[in-house]
Protein backbone atom coordinates (compact mmCIF):
# COMPACT_ATOMS: atom_id res chain seq x y z
CA MET A 1 -5.25 3.25 41.83
CA MET A 2 -8.78 3.01 40.42
CA ARG A 3 -7.91 5.42 37.61
CA ASP A 4 -4.90 3.31 36.64
CA LEU A 5 -7.09 0.20 36.60
CA LYS A 6 -9.60 1.92 34.29
CA ILE A 7 -6.82 3.01 31.92
CA LEU A 8 -5.36 -0.50 31.89
CA ALA A 9 -8.78 -2.04 31.20
CA GLY A 10 -9.42 0.46 28.41
CA MET A 11 -6.07 -0.36 26.82
CA ALA A 12 -6.82 -4.08 27.06
CA VAL A 13 -10.18 -3.59 25.32
CA LEU A 14 -8.52 -1.48 22.61
CA VAL A 15 -5.87 -4.16 22.00
CA LEU A 16 -8.56 -6.84 21.79
CA LEU A 17 -10.59 -4.81 19.30
CA LEU A 18 -7.59 -4.06 17.12
CA SER A 19 -6.25 -7.61 17.17
CA THR A 20 -9.54 -9.25 16.18
CA GLY A 21 -10.14 -7.10 13.10
CA CYS A 22 -9.20 -9.85 10.64
CA ALA A 23 -10.18 -12.80 12.79
CA GLY A 24 -13.77 -13.01 11.62
CA SER A 25 -15.33 -16.31 10.66
CA GLN A 26 -16.49 -15.07 7.26
CA GLU A 27 -14.55 -16.62 4.42
CA ILE A 28 -14.21 -15.02 1.01
CA GLN A 29 -15.64 -17.29 -1.62
CA ALA A 30 -14.53 -16.90 -5.19
CA GLY A 31 -17.13 -17.19 -7.89
CA PRO A 32 -17.06 -19.91 -10.51
CA GLN A 33 -13.89 -19.92 -12.52
CA ALA A 34 -14.37 -18.55 -16.03
CA THR A 35 -11.66 -20.68 -17.64
CA MET A 36 -9.53 -23.69 -16.86
CA TYR A 37 -6.62 -21.35 -16.07
CA SER A 38 -6.03 -20.14 -12.54
CA SER A 39 -6.36 -16.40 -11.97
CA MET A 40 -2.92 -16.56 -10.33
CA ASP A 41 -1.35 -18.02 -13.46
CA ALA A 42 0.65 -15.52 -15.53
CA THR A 43 -0.90 -16.83 -18.74
CA ALA A 44 -4.41 -16.36 -17.39
CA LEU A 45 -4.31 -12.72 -18.47
CA VAL A 46 -3.81 -13.86 -22.04
CA TYR A 47 -6.55 -16.47 -22.11
CA SER A 48 -9.22 -14.98 -19.87
CA ASP A 49 -10.74 -11.75 -18.65
CA PRO A 50 -9.09 -10.84 -15.29
CA ALA A 51 -12.18 -8.91 -14.21
CA ALA A 52 -14.21 -12.10 -14.45
CA SER A 53 -12.11 -13.75 -11.73
CA ALA A 54 -11.87 -10.63 -9.50
CA PHE A 55 -13.86 -10.25 -6.31
CA LEU A 56 -16.96 -8.09 -6.64
CA ASN A 57 -16.55 -6.16 -3.38
CA ASP A 58 -13.22 -4.36 -3.16
CA HIS A 59 -11.87 -3.11 0.14
CA PRO A 60 -13.09 0.46 0.88
CA LEU A 61 -9.54 1.69 1.44
CA ARG A 62 -8.77 0.81 -2.18
CA TRP A 63 -11.30 3.46 -3.24
CA ALA A 64 -9.72 5.93 -0.83
CA ALA A 65 -6.36 5.20 -2.46
CA PHE A 66 -7.81 5.97 -5.89
CA VAL A 67 -9.08 9.31 -4.60
CA THR A 68 -5.89 10.33 -2.77
CA TYR A 69 -3.41 9.16 -5.43
CA PRO A 70 -3.33 12.46 -7.38
CA ALA A 71 -2.51 14.39 -4.19
CA ALA A 72 0.27 11.91 -3.42
CA VAL A 73 1.78 12.39 -6.89
CA VAL A 74 1.70 16.17 -6.44
CA GLY A 75 3.39 15.73 -3.05
CA ASP A 76 6.03 13.52 -4.63
CA TYR A 77 6.87 16.11 -7.27
CA ALA A 78 6.65 19.09 -4.87
CA VAL A 79 8.51 17.68 -1.84
CA ASN A 80 10.21 14.34 -2.37
CA ARG A 81 11.91 14.81 -5.73
CA PRO A 82 13.37 18.26 -4.97
CA PHE A 83 14.73 16.92 -1.68
CA TYR A 84 16.40 14.02 -3.48
CA SER A 85 17.92 16.49 -5.93
CA LEU A 86 19.26 18.60 -3.06
CA ALA A 87 20.60 15.53 -1.27
CA SER A 88 22.36 14.36 -4.42
CA LYS A 89 24.29 17.65 -4.59
CA VAL A 90 25.72 17.24 -1.06
CA PRO A 91 25.67 13.46 -0.41
CA GLY A 92 27.93 13.57 2.65
CA LEU A 93 25.67 15.97 4.51
CA PHE A 94 22.43 14.09 3.86
CA GLY A 95 23.72 10.49 3.81
CA TYR A 96 22.81 10.07 0.14
CA THR A 97 24.15 6.66 -0.90
CA SER A 98 24.76 4.97 -4.23
CA GLU A 99 21.57 2.96 -3.65
CA ASP A 100 19.64 6.21 -3.32
CA ALA A 101 21.20 7.43 -6.56
CA MET A 102 20.25 4.19 -8.33
CA LEU A 103 16.65 4.34 -7.13
CA ASN A 104 16.40 8.04 -7.92
CA ALA A 105 17.71 7.46 -11.46
CA GLN A 106 14.98 4.85 -12.09
CA ARG A 107 12.16 7.34 -11.55
CA LEU A 108 10.11 8.30 -14.57
CA ASN A 109 10.37 11.88 -15.87
CA PHE A 110 13.13 12.81 -13.45
CA ARG A 111 14.98 16.01 -14.29
CA ARG A 112 18.63 16.15 -13.34
């Protein structure tokens, strides 16, 4: 009984910690705008420097994504693309649909 209560309390604390991750009171303030164009405007890229309107402190996971991207590309070429090629040979066995074929055909540098 006491052990179950401790587990339940631990789970409640974990849920509270995970659910309040983005609920901080700190607001992100953008710096002064470099031009009269909004950074969300499609023409802003033509008339201004996008780096000037970007936030200075990127999220740390963005840097992790830059580091792990080459390994993900290698995994895509070594595992994912050969499996799609195999599935396209026997579509009934693997459930390969016409949508899969369309998406697979849109890949860059895909060998058939």
